[in-house]
Protein backbone atom coordinates (compact mmCIF):
# COMPACT_ATOMS: atom_id res chain seq x y z
CA UNK A 1 22.53 52.81 20.42
CA UNK A 2 25.46 52.58 22.87
CA UNK A 3 28.07 55.38 22.43
CA UNK A 4 31.55 54.38 21.39
CA UNK A 5 33.92 53.81 24.26
CA UNK A 6 37.13 55.75 23.54
CA UNK A 7 40.52 55.13 25.14
CA UNK A 8 41.31 57.16 28.21
CA UNK A 9 44.53 57.97 30.14
CA UNK A 10 45.23 57.24 33.77
CA UNK A 11 47.41 59.18 36.24
CA UNK A 12 49.97 56.66 37.63
CA UNK A 13 50.71 56.36 41.30
CA UNK A 14 54.29 56.18 42.51
CA UNK A 15 55.53 54.15 45.47
CA UNK A 16 58.71 55.05 47.34
CA UNK A 17 60.33 51.92 48.80
CA UNK A 18 63.96 51.57 49.96
CA UNK A 19 64.81 49.13 47.18
CA UNK A 20 63.76 51.55 44.44
CA UNK A 21 65.87 53.55 42.00
CA UNK A 22 65.66 56.76 40.00
CA UNK A 23 64.50 55.65 36.54
CA UNK A 24 60.71 56.02 37.00
CA UNK A 25 60.56 59.54 38.42
CA UNK A 26 63.02 62.08 39.75
CA UNK A 27 62.51 62.27 43.49
CA UNK A 28 64.52 62.83 46.66
CA UNK A 29 63.45 59.32 47.75
CA UNK A 30 63.90 56.14 45.71
CA UNK A 31 60.92 55.44 43.43
CA UNK A 32 60.38 51.71 43.36
CA UNK A 33 57.04 51.31 41.56
CA UNK A 34 54.74 53.15 39.18
CA UNK A 35 51.24 51.76 39.30
CA UNK A 36 50.29 52.58 35.74
CA UNK A 37 46.96 50.67 35.67
CA UNK A 38 45.17 50.21 38.98
CA UNK A 39 41.58 50.62 40.08
CA UNK A 40 42.50 53.60 42.30
CA UNK A 41 44.25 55.49 39.38
CA UNK A 42 42.40 58.62 38.34
CA UNK A 43 41.20 59.00 34.74
CA UNK A 44 42.72 62.18 33.27
CA UNK A 45 40.96 62.28 29.90
CA UNK A 46 37.61 61.52 28.25
CA UNK A 47 34.19 60.73 29.63
CA UNK A 48 35.42 59.49 32.99
CA UNK A 49 37.79 62.41 33.66
CA UNK A 50 38.24 62.86 37.42
CA UNK A 51 36.84 59.41 38.29
CA UNK A 52 38.83 56.35 39.32
CA UNK A 53 39.33 53.33 37.12
CA UNK A 54 37.25 51.37 39.66
CA UNK A 55 34.33 53.74 39.20
CA UNK A 56 34.65 53.46 35.40
CA UNK A 57 34.84 49.67 35.69
CA UNK A 58 31.69 49.42 37.81
CA UNK A 59 29.78 51.66 35.38
CA UNK A 60 31.04 50.10 32.14
CA UNK A 61 31.25 46.45 33.23
CA UNK A 62 31.57 44.24 30.17
CA UNK A 63 32.15 47.15 27.81
CA UNK A 64 35.50 47.67 29.55
CA UNK A 65 36.39 44.21 30.77
CA UNK A 66 34.75 41.97 28.21
CA UNK A 67 31.80 39.60 28.65
CA UNK A 68 33.93 36.63 29.79
CA UNK A 69 35.06 38.58 32.87
CA UNK A 70 31.54 39.77 33.63
CA UNK A 71 30.19 36.23 33.29
CA UNK A 72 32.40 35.20 36.25
CA UNK A 73 30.41 37.34 38.68
CA UNK A 74 29.47 40.88 39.68
CA UNK A 75 31.95 43.56 38.61
CA UNK A 76 33.10 45.44 41.74
CA UNK A 77 36.70 46.23 40.84
CA UNK A 78 39.27 46.30 38.06
CA UNK A 79 40.94 42.86 38.11
CA UNK A 80 44.50 43.71 37.10
CA UNK A 81 47.37 45.81 38.38
CA UNK A 82 50.09 46.81 35.92
CA UNK A 83 53.29 48.25 37.30
CA UNK A 84 56.76 49.34 36.41
CA UNK A 85 59.37 48.34 38.96
CA UNK A 86 62.86 49.89 39.25
CA UNK A 87 64.95 47.55 41.41
CA UNK A 88 68.15 49.16 42.68
CA UNK A 89 68.41 46.63 45.56
CA UNK A 90 67.10 43.14 46.24
CA UNK A 91 63.38 42.96 47.01
CA UNK A 92 62.16 40.89 49.92
CA UNK A 93 61.71 37.14 49.40
CA UNK A 94 57.96 36.60 48.87
CA UNK A 95 55.27 34.03 48.12
CA UNK A 96 51.66 34.87 47.21
CA UNK A 97 48.42 32.88 47.72
CA UNK A 98 46.13 31.57 45.00
CA UNK A 99 42.51 32.75 44.79
CA UNK A 100 41.19 30.03 47.10
CA UNK A 101 43.85 30.73 49.74
CA UNK A 102 43.17 34.45 49.55
CA UNK A 103 39.46 33.94 50.30
CA UNK A 104 40.27 31.46 53.13
CA UNK A 105 42.83 33.86 54.67
CA UNK A 106 41.25 37.26 54.05
CA UNK A 107 37.59 36.59 53.11
CA UNK A 108 35.28 36.97 50.13
CA UNK A 109 36.21 39.53 47.53
CA UNK A 110 39.98 38.95 47.86
CA UNK A 111 42.13 37.65 45.07
CA UNK A 112 45.30 35.63 45.06
CA UNK A 113 48.27 36.99 43.20
CA UNK A 114 49.43 35.50 39.92
CA UNK A 115 51.98 37.74 38.24
CA UNK A 116 54.22 37.95 35.19
CA UNK A 117 57.37 39.97 34.71
CA UNK A 118 58.66 41.28 31.42
CA UNK A 119 62.29 42.51 31.74
CA UNK A 120 62.62 45.92 30.11
CA UNK A 121 66.23 46.41 31.19
CA UNK A 122 68.76 44.33 33.12
CA UNK A 123 72.20 45.24 34.35
CA UNK A 124 75.06 42.94 33.49
CA UNK A 125 74.90 39.86 35.77
CA UNK A 126 71.37 40.72 36.96
CA UNK A 127 69.59 37.92 38.79
CA UNK A 128 66.25 37.05 40.31
CA UNK A 129 64.83 34.29 42.48
CA UNK A 130 62.02 32.08 41.17
CA UNK A 131 61.36 28.81 42.88
CA UNK A 132 63.53 26.51 44.93
CA UNK A 133 66.64 24.52 44.01
CA UNK A 134 66.00 21.10 42.54
CA UNK A 135 65.78 18.42 45.24
CA UNK A 136 64.36 20.81 47.84
CA UNK A 137 61.49 18.97 49.45
CA UNK A 138 58.75 20.40 51.73
CA UNK A 139 60.60 19.37 54.92
CA UNK A 140 63.82 21.17 53.89
CA UNK A 141 61.90 24.29 52.86
CA UNK A 142 59.95 24.34 56.16
CA UNK A 143 63.16 23.91 58.13
CA UNK A 144 64.73 26.78 56.20
CA UNK A 145 61.78 29.05 56.94
CA UNK A 146 61.93 28.14 60.65
CA UNK A 147 65.68 28.55 61.12
CA UNK A 148 66.19 31.53 58.82
CA UNK A 149 68.15 29.74 56.10
CA UNK A 150 65.37 29.70 53.49
CA UNK A 151 67.52 31.84 51.16
CA UNK A 152 69.83 28.80 50.77
CA UNK A 153 66.94 26.82 49.17
CA UNK A 154 66.22 29.51 46.54
CA UNK A 155 66.79 29.05 42.82
CA UNK A 156 68.65 32.03 41.34
CA UNK A 157 68.30 32.81 37.61
CA UNK A 158 70.49 34.99 35.40
CA UNK A 159 68.17 37.37 33.55
CA UNK A 160 68.36 39.60 30.47
CA UNK A 161 66.23 42.30 28.89
CA UNK A 162 63.47 40.83 26.77
CA UNK A 163 62.78 37.80 28.92
CA UNK A 164 59.37 37.03 30.51
CA UNK A 165 58.88 35.17 33.78
CA UNK A 166 55.52 33.79 34.89
CA UNK A 167 55.19 33.57 38.68
CA UNK A 168 52.43 31.25 39.84
CA UNK A 169 50.94 31.63 43.36
CA UNK A 170 52.97 29.62 45.83
CA UNK A 171 56.27 30.31 44.06
CA UNK A 172 59.09 31.68 46.22
CA UNK A 173 60.44 34.77 44.37
CA UNK A 174 62.39 38.04 44.50
CA UNK A 175 63.72 40.54 42.03
CA UNK A 176 67.39 41.51 42.18
CA UNK A 177 69.21 44.82 41.69
CA UNK A 178 69.66 46.34 38.22
CA UNK A 179 66.26 45.27 36.92
CA UNK A 180 63.54 47.40 35.29
CA UNK A 181 60.37 45.30 35.14
CA UNK A 182 56.95 45.57 33.51
CA UNK A 183 54.67 43.55 35.81
CA UNK A 184 51.17 42.36 35.09
CA UNK A 185 49.39 40.86 38.11
CA UNK A 186 46.07 40.19 39.66
CA UNK A 187 44.87 43.23 41.61
CA UNK A 188 46.01 41.94 44.97
CA UNK A 189 48.67 42.84 47.47
CA UNK A 190 48.53 39.68 49.54
CA UNK A 191 51.94 38.23 50.40
């Protein structure tokens, strides 16, 4: 009989980036992100105490991830990254590849980056960028990238606490100041 798998806690990792704030952890430097579920996080309770989530994932396979995930191929890593983001300044304008593009650009074993944001808190008049303005065709977008005016093609959105935004690969996006975000994404950092 297989022993019962009990919940375990992870030690989050904190990232100091210039756009971060002070809501995630008190620090002399801005703390932009808390990686609360990532394969390199260390387990701090239970059977896997002292091991990484990746090590637990490889050992537990379908017991941790579910049989549908395991059926897609060998389990070599934890497939998700869950973060908290404290945005005191604008983040850089980004676009992420899909799974096929990630493999073509970086090789086998790499994932694209699909992500979703849940807004935990938003300052009055907070905004984010998701997509391009209506009527922006590929030629206009390419010209904006080449001449540095791409920001003029971006679609800004007013945002409030409680809203969720799904960001598909290939979507131009950026978070604005005054946002506290719960982000669920594929475990990838390709931009």
